[in-house]
C-alpha atoms as a PDB file:
ATOM      1  CA  MET A   1     121.338 109.282  91.415  1.00  0.00           C
ATOM      2  CA  ALA A   2     119.215 107.798  88.635  1.00  0.00           C
ATOM      3  CA  SER A   3     120.763 107.060  85.248  1.00  0.00           C
ATOM      4  CA  ILE A   4     118.963 108.145  82.096  1.00  0.00           C
ATOM      5  CA  ARG A   5     119.978 106.815  78.676  1.00  0.00           C
ATOM      6  CA  LEU A   6     118.600 106.570  75.182  1.00  0.00           C
ATOM      7  CA  HIS A   7     117.856 102.967  74.287  1.00  0.00           C
ATOM      8  CA  GLY A   8     116.732 102.719  70.682  1.00  0.00           C
ATOM      9  CA  ASP A   9     113.973 105.283  70.324  1.00  0.00           C
ATOM     10  CA  ARG A  10     113.024 105.189  74.031  1.00  0.00           C
ATOM     11  CA  TRP A  11     114.519 106.876  77.107  1.00  0.00           C
ATOM     12  CA  GLN A  12     115.313 104.404  79.846  1.00  0.00           C
ATOM     13  CA  ALA A  13     115.446 105.499  83.472  1.00  0.00           C
ATOM     14  CA  ARG A  14     117.201 103.264  86.005  1.00  0.00           C
ATOM     15  CA  VAL A  15     117.143 103.812  89.775  1.00  0.00           C
ATOM     16  CA  ARG A  16     119.587 101.999  92.066  1.00  0.00           C
ATOM     17  CA  ARG A  17     119.500 102.393  95.838  1.00  0.00           C
ATOM     18  CA  LYS A  18     121.195 100.209  98.418  1.00  0.00           C
ATOM     19  CA  GLY A  19     118.690  97.987 100.190  1.00  0.00           C
ATOM     20  CA  HIS A  20     116.098  98.323  97.415  1.00  0.00           C
ATOM     21  CA  PRO A  21     115.554  96.350  94.211  1.00  0.00           C
ATOM     22  CA  GLU A  22     116.680  98.035  91.041  1.00  0.00           C
ATOM     23  CA  GLU A  23     113.860  99.732  89.144  1.00  0.00           C
ATOM     24  CA  SER A  24     113.833 100.674  85.479  1.00  0.00           C
ATOM     25  CA  ARG A  25     111.270 101.906  82.995  1.00  0.00           C
ATOM     26  CA  SER A  26     111.266 103.286  79.450  1.00  0.00           C
ATOM     27  CA  PHE A  27     109.565 106.466  78.266  1.00  0.00           C
ATOM     28  CA  ALA A  28     108.978 108.342  75.025  1.00  0.00           C
ATOM     29  CA  THR A  29     110.746 111.496  76.263  1.00  0.00           C
ATOM     30  CA  ARG A  30     113.715 112.241  78.513  1.00  0.00           C
ATOM     31  CA  ILE A  31     111.584 114.625  80.617  1.00  0.00           C
ATOM     32  CA  ASP A  32     109.114 111.823  81.441  1.00  0.00           C
ATOM     33  CA  ALA A  33     111.996 109.498  82.347  1.00  0.00           C
ATOM     34  CA  GLU A  34     113.563 112.075  84.671  1.00  0.00           C
ATOM     35  CA  ARG A  35     110.207 112.871  86.301  1.00  0.00           C
ATOM     36  CA  TRP A  36     109.554 109.181  87.022  1.00  0.00           C
ATOM     37  CA  ALA A  37     113.056 108.647  88.422  1.00  0.00           C
ATOM     38  CA  ARG A  38     112.745 111.652  90.762  1.00  0.00           C
ATOM     39  CA  ALA A  39     109.376 110.387  92.004  1.00  0.00           C
ATOM     40  CA  ILE A  40     110.796 106.928  92.756  1.00  0.00           C
ATOM     41  CA  GLU A  41     113.815 108.379  94.576  1.00  0.00           C
ATOM     42  CA  SER A  42     111.568 110.686  96.581  1.00  0.00           C
ATOM     43  CA  GLU A  43     109.363 107.778  97.691  1.00  0.00           C
ATOM     44  CA  ILE A  44     112.445 105.778  98.689  1.00  0.00           C
ATOM     45  CA  ASP A  45     113.734 108.725 100.745  1.00  0.00           C
ATOM     46  CA  ARG A  46     110.384 109.019 102.535  1.00  0.00           C
ATOM     47  CA  GLY A  47     110.246 105.308 103.176  1.00  0.00           C
ATOM     48  CA  SER A  48     106.912 104.976 101.349  1.00  0.00           C
ATOM     49  CA  TYR A  49     108.142 103.199  98.239  1.00  0.00           C
ATOM     50  CA  THR A  50     106.889  99.733  97.313  1.00  0.00           C
ATOM     51  CA  SER A  51     108.289  98.009  94.254  1.00  0.00           C
ATOM     52  CA  ALA A  52     105.929  97.197  91.395  1.00  0.00           C
ATOM     53  CA  THR A  53     108.482  94.905  89.764  1.00  0.00           C
ATOM     54  CA  GLU A  54     106.922  91.743  91.138  1.00  0.00           C
ATOM     55  CA  SER A  55     103.410  92.699  90.045  1.00  0.00           C
ATOM     56  CA  GLN A  56     104.782  93.334  86.546  1.00  0.00           C
ATOM     57  CA  ARG A  57     106.493  89.951  86.480  1.00  0.00           C
ATOM     58  CA  LEU A  58     103.895  87.719  88.139  1.00  0.00           C
ATOM     59  CA  THR A  59     100.860  86.561  86.168  1.00  0.00           C
ATOM     60  CA  LEU A  60      97.478  85.770  87.636  1.00  0.00           C
ATOM     61  CA  ARG A  61      98.086  82.139  86.666  1.00  0.00           C
ATOM     62  CA  GLU A  62     101.273  82.049  88.741  1.00  0.00           C
ATOM     63  CA  ILE A  63      99.723  83.417  91.922  1.00  0.00           C
ATOM     64  CA  ILE A  64      96.778  81.013  91.553  1.00  0.00           C
ATOM     65  CA  GLU A  65      99.352  78.202  91.271  1.00  0.00           C
ATOM     66  CA  ARG A  66     101.094  79.350  94.448  1.00  0.00           C
ATOM     67  CA  TYR A  67      97.753  79.720  96.247  1.00  0.00           C
ATOM     68  CA  VAL A  68      96.715  76.186  95.268  1.00  0.00           C
ATOM     69  CA  ASP A  69     100.047  74.782  96.470  1.00  0.00           C
ATOM     70  CA  GLU A  70     100.489  76.736  99.715  1.00  0.00           C
ATOM     71  CA  VAL A  71      97.108  77.936 100.972  1.00  0.00           C
ATOM     72  CA  LEU A  72      94.362  75.696  99.625  1.00  0.00           C
ATOM     73  CA  PRO A  73      95.418  72.379 101.248  1.00  0.00           C
ATOM     74  CA  SER A  74      94.562  73.705 104.724  1.00  0.00           C
ATOM     75  CA  MET A  75      91.092  74.938 103.718  1.00  0.00           C
ATOM     76  CA  LYS A  76      87.722  73.203 103.719  1.00  0.00           C
ATOM     77  CA  GLY A  77      86.587  72.091 100.310  1.00  0.00           C
ATOM     78  CA  ALA A  78      90.183  72.039  99.072  1.00  0.00           C
ATOM     79  CA  GLU A  79      89.581  69.261  96.549  1.00  0.00           C
ATOM     80  CA  ALA A  80      86.603  70.869  94.829  1.00  0.00           C
ATOM     81  CA  ASP A  81      88.104  74.369  94.952  1.00  0.00           C
ATOM     82  CA  GLY A  82      91.378  73.038  93.575  1.00  0.00           C
ATOM     83  CA  ILE A  83      89.664  71.601  90.509  1.00  0.00           C
ATOM     84  CA  ARG A  84      87.797  74.854  89.905  1.00  0.00           C
ATOM     85  CA  LEU A  85      90.968  76.930  90.282  1.00  0.00           C
ATOM     86  CA  ARG A  86      92.863  74.661  87.879  1.00  0.00           C
ATOM     87  CA  ALA A  87      90.101  75.257  85.349  1.00  0.00           C
ATOM     88  CA  LEU A  88      90.281  79.016  85.982  1.00  0.00           C
ATOM     89  CA  GLN A  89      94.044  78.950  85.347  1.00  0.00           C
ATOM     90  CA  ARG A  90      93.381  77.819  81.777  1.00  0.00           C
ATOM     91  CA  ARG A  91      91.418  80.989  80.981  1.00  0.00           C
ATOM     92  CA  PRO A  92      93.250  83.574  78.813  1.00  0.00           C
ATOM     93  CA  ILE A  93      92.802  86.282  81.467  1.00  0.00           C
ATOM     94  CA  CYS A  94      95.262  84.411  83.691  1.00  0.00           C
ATOM     95  CA  SER A  95      98.062  85.133  81.197  1.00  0.00           C
ATOM     96  CA  PHE A  96      98.058  88.821  82.170  1.00  0.00           C
ATOM     97  CA  SER A  97     100.536  90.105  84.722  1.00  0.00           C
ATOM     98  CA  LEU A  98      98.996  91.499  87.898  1.00  0.00           C
ATOM     99  CA  SER A  99      99.917  95.042  86.889  1.00  0.00           C
ATOM    100  CA  ALA A 100      98.238  94.553  83.484  1.00  0.00           C
ATOM    101  CA  LEU A 101      95.092  93.055  84.984  1.00  0.00           C
ATOM    102  CA  THR A 102      92.894  96.144  84.752  1.00  0.00           C
ATOM    103  CA  PRO A 103      89.261  96.526  85.854  1.00  0.00           C
ATOM    104  CA  ALA A 104      88.311  96.792  82.161  1.00  0.00           C
ATOM    105  CA  ARG A 105      89.860  93.400  81.422  1.00  0.00           C
ATOM    106  CA  VAL A 106      88.173  91.811  84.427  1.00  0.00           C
ATOM    107  CA  ALA A 107      84.823  93.317  83.369  1.00  0.00           C
ATOM    108  CA  LYS A 108      85.223  91.947  79.840  1.00  0.00           C
ATOM    109  CA  TYR A 109      86.040  88.524  81.278  1.00  0.00           C
ATOM    110  CA  SER A 110      82.874  88.689  83.396  1.00  0.00           C
ATOM    111  CA  ASP A 111      80.714  89.675  80.408  1.00  0.00           C
ATOM    112  CA  ASP A 112      82.195  86.965  78.180  1.00  0.00           C
ATOM    113  CA  ARG A 113      81.733  84.259  80.816  1.00  0.00           C
ATOM    114  CA  LEU A 114      78.082  85.218  81.295  1.00  0.00           C
ATOM    115  CA  ASN A 115      77.528  84.007  77.737  1.00  0.00           C
ATOM    116  CA  GLU A 116      78.885  80.577  78.734  1.00  0.00           C
ATOM    117  CA  VAL A 117      77.886  79.913  82.343  1.00  0.00           C
ATOM    118  CA  SER A 118      75.451  81.075  85.002  1.00  0.00           C
ATOM    119  CA  ALA A 119      75.780  84.306  86.954  1.00  0.00           C
ATOM    120  CA  GLY A 120      76.465  82.272  90.083  1.00  0.00           C
ATOM    121  CA  THR A 121      79.507  80.658  88.460  1.00  0.00           C
ATOM    122  CA  VAL A 122      80.854  84.032  87.321  1.00  0.00           C
ATOM    123  CA  ILE A 123      80.378  85.501  90.792  1.00  0.00           C
ATOM    124  CA  ARG A 124      82.292  82.571  92.304  1.00  0.00           C
ATOM    125  CA  GLU A 125      85.166  82.933  89.811  1.00  0.00           C
ATOM    126  CA  LEU A 126      85.468  86.662  90.466  1.00  0.00           C
ATOM    127  CA  ALA A 127      85.432  85.944  94.200  1.00  0.00           C
ATOM    128  CA  TYR A 128      88.282  83.457  93.738  1.00  0.00           C
ATOM    129  CA  MET A 129      90.324  86.053  91.828  1.00  0.00           C
ATOM    130  CA  SER A 130      89.689  88.783  94.373  1.00  0.00           C
ATOM    131  CA  SER A 131      90.510  86.571  97.343  1.00  0.00           C
ATOM    132  CA  ILE A 132      93.766  85.318  95.810  1.00  0.00           C
ATOM    133  CA  ILE A 133      94.930  88.799  94.780  1.00  0.00           C
ATOM    134  CA  ASN A 134      94.158  90.132  98.266  1.00  0.00           C
ATOM    135  CA  HIS A 135      96.116  87.235  99.776  1.00  0.00           C
ATOM    136  CA  ALA A 136      99.093  88.042  97.527  1.00  0.00           C
ATOM    137  CA  ARG A 137      98.905  91.683  98.623  1.00  0.00           C
ATOM    138  CA  ARG A 138      98.548  90.896 102.303  1.00  0.00           C
ATOM    139  CA  GLU A 139     100.743  87.823 102.787  1.00  0.00           C
ATOM    140  CA  TRP A 140     103.245  87.849  99.928  1.00  0.00           C
ATOM    141  CA  GLY A 141     103.955  91.570  99.739  1.00  0.00           C
ATOM    142  CA  VAL A 142     102.874  91.993  96.123  1.00  0.00           C
ATOM    143  CA  SER A 143     102.263  95.680  95.481  1.00  0.00           C
ATOM    144  CA  VAL A 144      99.194  95.862  93.246  1.00  0.00           C
ATOM    145  CA  ASP A 145      95.657  97.179  93.388  1.00  0.00           C
ATOM    146  CA  ASN A 146      92.826  94.651  93.320  1.00  0.00           C
ATOM    147  CA  PRO A 147      91.047  95.295  89.989  1.00  0.00           C
ATOM    148  CA  VAL A 148      88.234  92.854  90.794  1.00  0.00           C
ATOM    149  CA  ALA A 149      87.083  95.112  93.642  1.00  0.00           C
ATOM    150  CA  LYS A 150      86.368  97.849  91.090  1.00  0.00           C
ATOM    151  CA  VAL A 151      84.180  95.695  88.833  1.00  0.00           C
ATOM    152  CA  ARG A 152      80.425  95.463  89.192  1.00  0.00           C
ATOM    153  CA  LYS A 153      79.456  91.864  89.844  1.00  0.00           C
ATOM    154  CA  PRO A 154      76.573  90.153  88.030  1.00  0.00           C
ATOM    155  CA  SER A 155      73.257  90.195  89.854  1.00  0.00           C
ATOM    156  CA  THR A 156      72.993  87.388  92.375  1.00  0.00           C
ATOM    157  CA  PRO A 157      70.694  84.718  90.945  1.00  0.00           C
ATOM    158  CA  LYS A 158      67.457  83.971  92.718  1.00  0.00           C
ATOM    159  CA  GLY A 159      67.745  81.149  95.218  1.00  0.00           C
ATOM    160  CA  ARG A 160      66.452  77.764  94.092  1.00  0.00           C
ATOM    161  CA  ASP A 161      63.323  76.321  95.665  1.00  0.00           C
ATOM    162  CA  ARG A 162      63.336  73.003  93.797  1.00  0.00           C
ATOM    163  CA  THR A 163      62.233  69.993  95.805  1.00  0.00           C
ATOM    164  CA  LEU A 164      61.891  66.348  94.884  1.00  0.00           C
ATOM    165  CA  THR A 165      58.396  64.909  94.546  1.00  0.00           C
ATOM    166  CA  LYS A 166      57.649  61.406  95.816  1.00  0.00           C
ATOM    167  CA  ASP A 167      57.286  60.170  92.241  1.00  0.00           C
ATOM    168  CA  GLU A 168      60.618  61.697  91.248  1.00  0.00           C
ATOM    169  CA  GLU A 169      62.247  60.230  94.337  1.00  0.00           C
ATOM    170  CA  GLY A 170      61.117  56.728  93.389  1.00  0.00           C
ATOM    171  CA  ARG A 171      62.385  57.114  89.810  1.00  0.00           C
ATOM    172  CA  LEU A 172      65.699  58.534  91.007  1.00  0.00           C
ATOM    173  CA  LEU A 173      66.315  55.710  93.467  1.00  0.00           C
ATOM    174  CA  ASP A 174      65.508  53.134  90.792  1.00  0.00           C
ATOM    175  CA  ALA A 175      68.035  54.801  88.499  1.00  0.00           C
ATOM    176  CA  LEU A 176      70.672  54.619  91.251  1.00  0.00           C
ATOM    177  CA  ARG A 177      70.377  50.922  92.040  1.00  0.00           C
ATOM    178  CA  PRO A 178      73.854  49.374  91.728  1.00  0.00           C
ATOM    179  CA  LEU A 179      73.922  47.584  88.381  1.00  0.00           C
ATOM    180  CA  ASN A 180      76.925  46.884  86.156  1.00  0.00           C
ATOM    181  CA  ARG A 181      79.456  49.613  87.002  1.00  0.00           C
ATOM    182  CA  ARG A 182      77.195  51.817  89.092  1.00  0.00           C
ATOM    183  CA  SER A 183      78.593  52.739  92.489  1.00  0.00           C
ATOM    184  CA  PRO A 184      77.058  50.849  95.436  1.00  0.00           C
ATOM    185  CA  TRP A 185      77.337  54.025  97.536  1.00  0.00           C
ATOM    186  CA  MET A 186      75.307  56.434  95.398  1.00  0.00           C
ATOM    187  CA  LEU A 187      71.910  55.075  96.437  1.00  0.00           C
ATOM    188  CA  PRO A 188      72.743  55.213 100.184  1.00  0.00           C
ATOM    189  CA  LEU A 189      74.198  58.708  99.731  1.00  0.00           C
ATOM    190  CA  VAL A 190      71.023  60.053  98.141  1.00  0.00           C
ATOM    191  CA  VAL A 191      68.731  58.414 100.706  1.00  0.00           C
ATOM    192  CA  LEU A 192      70.832  59.710 103.601  1.00  0.00           C
ATOM    193  CA  THR A 193      70.741  63.218 102.156  1.00  0.00           C
ATOM    194  CA  ILE A 194      66.956  63.120 101.864  1.00  0.00           C
ATOM    195  CA  GLU A 195      66.565  61.675 105.353  1.00  0.00           C
ATOM    196  CA  THR A 196      69.076  63.815 107.251  1.00  0.00           C
ATOM    197  CA  GLY A 197      69.426  67.044 105.262  1.00  0.00           C
ATOM    198  CA  MET A 198      73.210  66.752 105.545  1.00  0.00           C
ATOM    199  CA  ARG A 199      75.322  68.485 102.929  1.00  0.00           C
ATOM    200  CA  ARG A 200      77.117  66.387 100.337  1.00  0.00           C
ATOM    201  CA  SER A 201      80.502  67.479 101.745  1.00  0.00           C
ATOM    202  CA  GLU A 202      79.400  66.474 105.257  1.00  0.00           C
ATOM    203  CA  LEU A 203      78.305  63.005 104.154  1.00  0.00           C
ATOM    204  CA  LEU A 204      81.480  62.441 102.146  1.00  0.00           C
ATOM    205  CA  ALA A 205      83.531  63.402 105.226  1.00  0.00           C
ATOM    206  CA  LEU A 206      81.476  61.230 107.597  1.00  0.00           C
ATOM    207  CA  ARG A 207      83.334  58.265 109.098  1.00  0.00           C
ATOM    208  CA  TRP A 208      81.993  55.165 110.770  1.00  0.00           C
ATOM    209  CA  VAL A 209      83.581  56.115 114.112  1.00  0.00           C
ATOM    210  CA  ASP A 210      81.218  59.115 114.164  1.00  0.00           C
ATOM    211  CA  VAL A 211      78.072  57.041 113.572  1.00  0.00           C
ATOM    212  CA  ASP A 212      76.187  55.574 116.546  1.00  0.00           C
ATOM    213  CA  LEU A 213      73.422  53.320 115.238  1.00  0.00           C
ATOM    214  CA  SER A 214      72.246  52.370 118.740  1.00  0.00           C
ATOM    215  CA  ARG A 215      71.625  56.023 119.615  1.00  0.00           C
ATOM    216  CA  ARG A 216      70.634  56.797 116.014  1.00  0.00           C
ATOM    217  CA  THR A 217      72.986  59.761 115.633  1.00  0.00           C
ATOM    218  CA  ALA A 218      75.801  60.941 113.392  1.00  0.00           C
ATOM    219  CA  THR A 219      78.340  63.404 114.767  1.00  0.00           C
ATOM    220  CA  LEU A 220      79.739  66.102 112.478  1.00  0.00           C
ATOM    221  CA  HIS A 221      82.862  67.672 113.967  1.00  0.00           C
ATOM    222  CA  THR A 222      82.956  70.518 111.447  1.00  0.00           C
ATOM    223  CA  SER A 223      80.501  71.848 108.886  1.00  0.00           C
ATOM    224  CA  LYS A 224      80.175  74.657 106.370  1.00  0.00           C
ATOM    225  CA  ASN A 225      79.373  77.232 109.065  1.00  0.00           C
ATOM    226  CA  GLY A 226      82.358  76.120 111.137  1.00  0.00           C
ATOM    227  CA  ASP A 227      80.394  74.435 113.926  1.00  0.00           C
ATOM    228  CA  GLY A 228      79.927  70.760 114.652  1.00  0.00           C
ATOM    229  CA  ARG A 229      76.549  69.215 115.326  1.00  0.00           C
ATOM    230  CA  ILE A 230      74.805  65.941 116.087  1.00  0.00           C
ATOM    231  CA  VAL A 231      72.397  64.784 113.391  1.00  0.00           C
ATOM    232  CA  PRO A 232      69.505  62.507 114.394  1.00  0.00           C
ATOM    233  CA  LEU A 233      68.992  59.466 112.162  1.00  0.00           C
ATOM    234  CA  SER A 234      65.550  58.312 111.084  1.00  0.00           C
ATOM    235  CA  SER A 235      64.622  54.632 110.954  1.00  0.00           C
ATOM    236  CA  ARG A 236      65.095  54.733 107.189  1.00  0.00           C
ATOM    237  CA  ALA A 237      68.536  56.317 107.558  1.00  0.00           C
ATOM    238  CA  VAL A 238      69.593  53.659 110.102  1.00  0.00           C
ATOM    239  CA  ALA A 239      68.381  50.871 107.787  1.00  0.00           C
ATOM    240  CA  VAL A 240      70.345  52.339 104.887  1.00  0.00           C
ATOM    241  CA  LEU A 241      73.496  52.684 106.986  1.00  0.00           C
ATOM    242  CA  GLN A 242      73.180  49.048 108.090  1.00  0.00           C
ATOM    243  CA  SER A 243      73.149  48.011 104.431  1.00  0.00           C
ATOM    244  CA  VAL A 244      76.030  50.209 103.218  1.00  0.00           C
ATOM    245  CA  PRO A 245      79.099  48.281 101.997  1.00  0.00           C
ATOM    246  CA  THR A 246      82.035  48.894 104.295  1.00  0.00           C
ATOM    247  CA  SER A 247      85.280  50.443 103.108  1.00  0.00           C
ATOM    248  CA  ILE A 248      88.746  49.968 104.581  1.00  0.00           C
ATOM    249  CA  SER A 249      89.175  53.744 104.473  1.00  0.00           C
ATOM    250  CA  GLY A 250      86.723  54.145 107.357  1.00  0.00           C
ATOM    251  CA  ALA A 251      84.558  56.541 105.357  1.00  0.00           C
ATOM    252  CA  VAL A 252      80.826  55.840 105.244  1.00  0.00           C
ATOM    253  CA  ILE A 253      80.646  57.010 101.603  1.00  0.00           C
ATOM    254  CA  PRO A 254      84.146  56.553 100.097  1.00  0.00           C
ATOM    255  CA  MET A 255      83.578  58.680  97.015  1.00  0.00           C
ATOM    256  CA  HIS A 256      84.982  61.963  95.700  1.00  0.00           C
ATOM    257  CA  HIS A 257      82.955  65.139  95.169  1.00  0.00           C
ATOM    258  CA  PHE A 258      83.186  65.102  91.375  1.00  0.00           C
ATOM    259  CA  SER A 259      82.540  61.369  91.098  1.00  0.00           C
ATOM    260  CA  VAL A 260      79.294  61.943  92.955  1.00  0.00           C
ATOM    261  CA  ALA A 261      78.378  64.857  90.682  1.00  0.00           C
ATOM    262  CA  ALA A 262      78.961  62.801  87.536  1.00  0.00           C
ATOM    263  CA  ALA A 263      77.071  59.739  88.824  1.00  0.00           C
ATOM    264  CA  PHE A 264      74.159  61.869  90.033  1.00  0.00           C
ATOM    265  CA  SER A 265      73.902  63.664  86.693  1.00  0.00           C
ATOM    266  CA  ARG A 266      73.712  60.351  84.835  1.00  0.00           C
ATOM    267  CA  ALA A 267      71.082  59.001  87.228  1.00  0.00           C
ATOM    268  CA  VAL A 268      68.901  62.108  86.861  1.00  0.00           C
ATOM    269  CA  GLU A 269      69.078  61.699  83.088  1.00  0.00           C
ATOM    270  CA  ARG A 270      68.148  57.998  83.290  1.00  0.00           C
ATOM    271  CA  ALA A 271      65.231  58.853  85.587  1.00  0.00           C
ATOM    272  CA  GLY A 272      63.950  61.515  83.176  1.00  0.00           C
ATOM    273  CA  ILE A 273      63.898  64.240  85.836  1.00  0.00           C
ATOM    274  CA  ASP A 274      64.306  67.862  84.778  1.00  0.00           C
ATOM    275  CA  HIS A 275      66.332  70.624  86.493  1.00  0.00           C
ATOM    276  CA  LEU A 276      67.399  68.631  89.540  1.00  0.00           C
ATOM    277  CA  ARG A 277      70.695  69.268  91.328  1.00  0.00           C
ATOM    278  CA  PHE A 278      72.197  67.325  94.197  1.00  0.00           C
ATOM    279  CA  HIS A 279      71.779  70.244  96.594  1.00  0.00           C
ATOM    280  CA  ASP A 280      68.017  70.140  95.890  1.00  0.00           C
ATOM    281  CA  LEU A 281      67.938  66.912  97.916  1.00  0.00           C
ATOM    282  CA  ARG A 282      68.999  68.847 101.014  1.00  0.00           C
ATOM    283  CA  HIS A 283      66.311  71.421 100.310  1.00  0.00           C
ATOM    284  CA  THR A 284      63.807  68.567  99.979  1.00  0.00           C
ATOM    285  CA  ALA A 285      64.888  67.139 103.329  1.00  0.00           C
ATOM    286  CA  ILE A 286      64.635  70.486 105.118  1.00  0.00           C
ATOM    287  CA  THR A 287      61.203  71.161 103.608  1.00  0.00           C
ATOM    288  CA  ARG A 288      59.938  67.816 104.883  1.00  0.00           C
ATOM    289  CA  MET A 289      61.561  68.333 108.303  1.00  0.00           C
ATOM    290  CA  ALA A 290      59.883  71.736 108.629  1.00  0.00           C
ATOM    291  CA  GLY A 291      56.529  69.990 108.870  1.00  0.00           C
ATOM    292  CA  LYS A 292      57.795  67.886 111.780  1.00  0.00           C
ATOM    293  CA  LEU A 293      59.966  70.512 113.509  1.00  0.00           C
ATOM    294  CA  PRO A 294      58.045  73.787 113.456  1.00  0.00           C
ATOM    295  CA  ASN A 295      60.527  75.319 115.918  1.00  0.00           C
ATOM    296  CA  VAL A 296      62.967  77.223 113.697  1.00  0.00           C
ATOM    297  CA  ILE A 297      65.823  77.053 116.236  1.00  0.00           C
ATOM    298  CA  GLU A 298      65.462  73.290 116.546  1.00  0.00           C
ATOM    299  CA  LEU A 299      65.304  72.919 112.756  1.00  0.00           C
ATOM    300  CA  SER A 300      68.438  75.012 112.241  1.00  0.00           C
ATOM    301  CA  ALA A 301      70.301  72.987 114.890  1.00  0.00           C
ATOM    302  CA  VAL A 302      69.554  69.781 112.999  1.00  0.00           C
ATOM    303  CA  THR A 303      70.318  71.106 109.520  1.00  0.00           C
ATOM    304  CA  GLY A 304      73.353  73.264 110.372  1.00  0.00           C
ATOM    305  CA  HIS A 305      72.035  76.603 109.191  1.00  0.00           C
END
């Protein structure tokens, strides 16, 4: 039997049942408190009751923290995603409990972020939130609706079609030549991307044991689409690989994702090139390959699409 008592100017209802966590809530009137208590007891009797206590206690920041610690390490792109999720944790919206995270609050967050970053970034952040909340619901037994699913996402931005011209390529490579503190691996990384069309993550994961210079191939055991593939190496790619400084780690390019991003950004600025991203190098490579491999199936096998 639920207990109802006046606590200050509010009526507090408390439900205790063996085998279930204690539930309590305060109301403005005794009638509302009794109605809520009867509803909870009825759900417990039917076996359909799920406690909302945890969703009221846990904040979005806390479940992101648990996700980063327990789930992310086993996923591809864990390093880059971890940095993005740490940044997301610092946003004020992550201070809300899961039960207080309403669709209206998520929508306001989306609108505010659109004033700061691109639509693609906002879409990715909302996807992170939705995926983590769904994981908490499915795997951790947190009883809460997913408010992100009820929010209209920003329009997907138009795909980029930026490619590197030969003049820009020459200026970029000059800006990447290892001088002073510049990394000796950035120039080889950029040339290999242009020559092979491999993704940045694939090249950073590539190890010397998977490179066969005599057969002019590089073997990728996993890629973004989940499949491995063998990438043919051009004469220029082989020459670059033969000149790459070796690392005791066994990695061909022993650099981290964000170190590459920072070094590339500085090089683009030194070269005076506008609106160029690292991924545009892959698009450049595929565009050039398309003229040599008109067979779409063959092209997709090489590039991993």
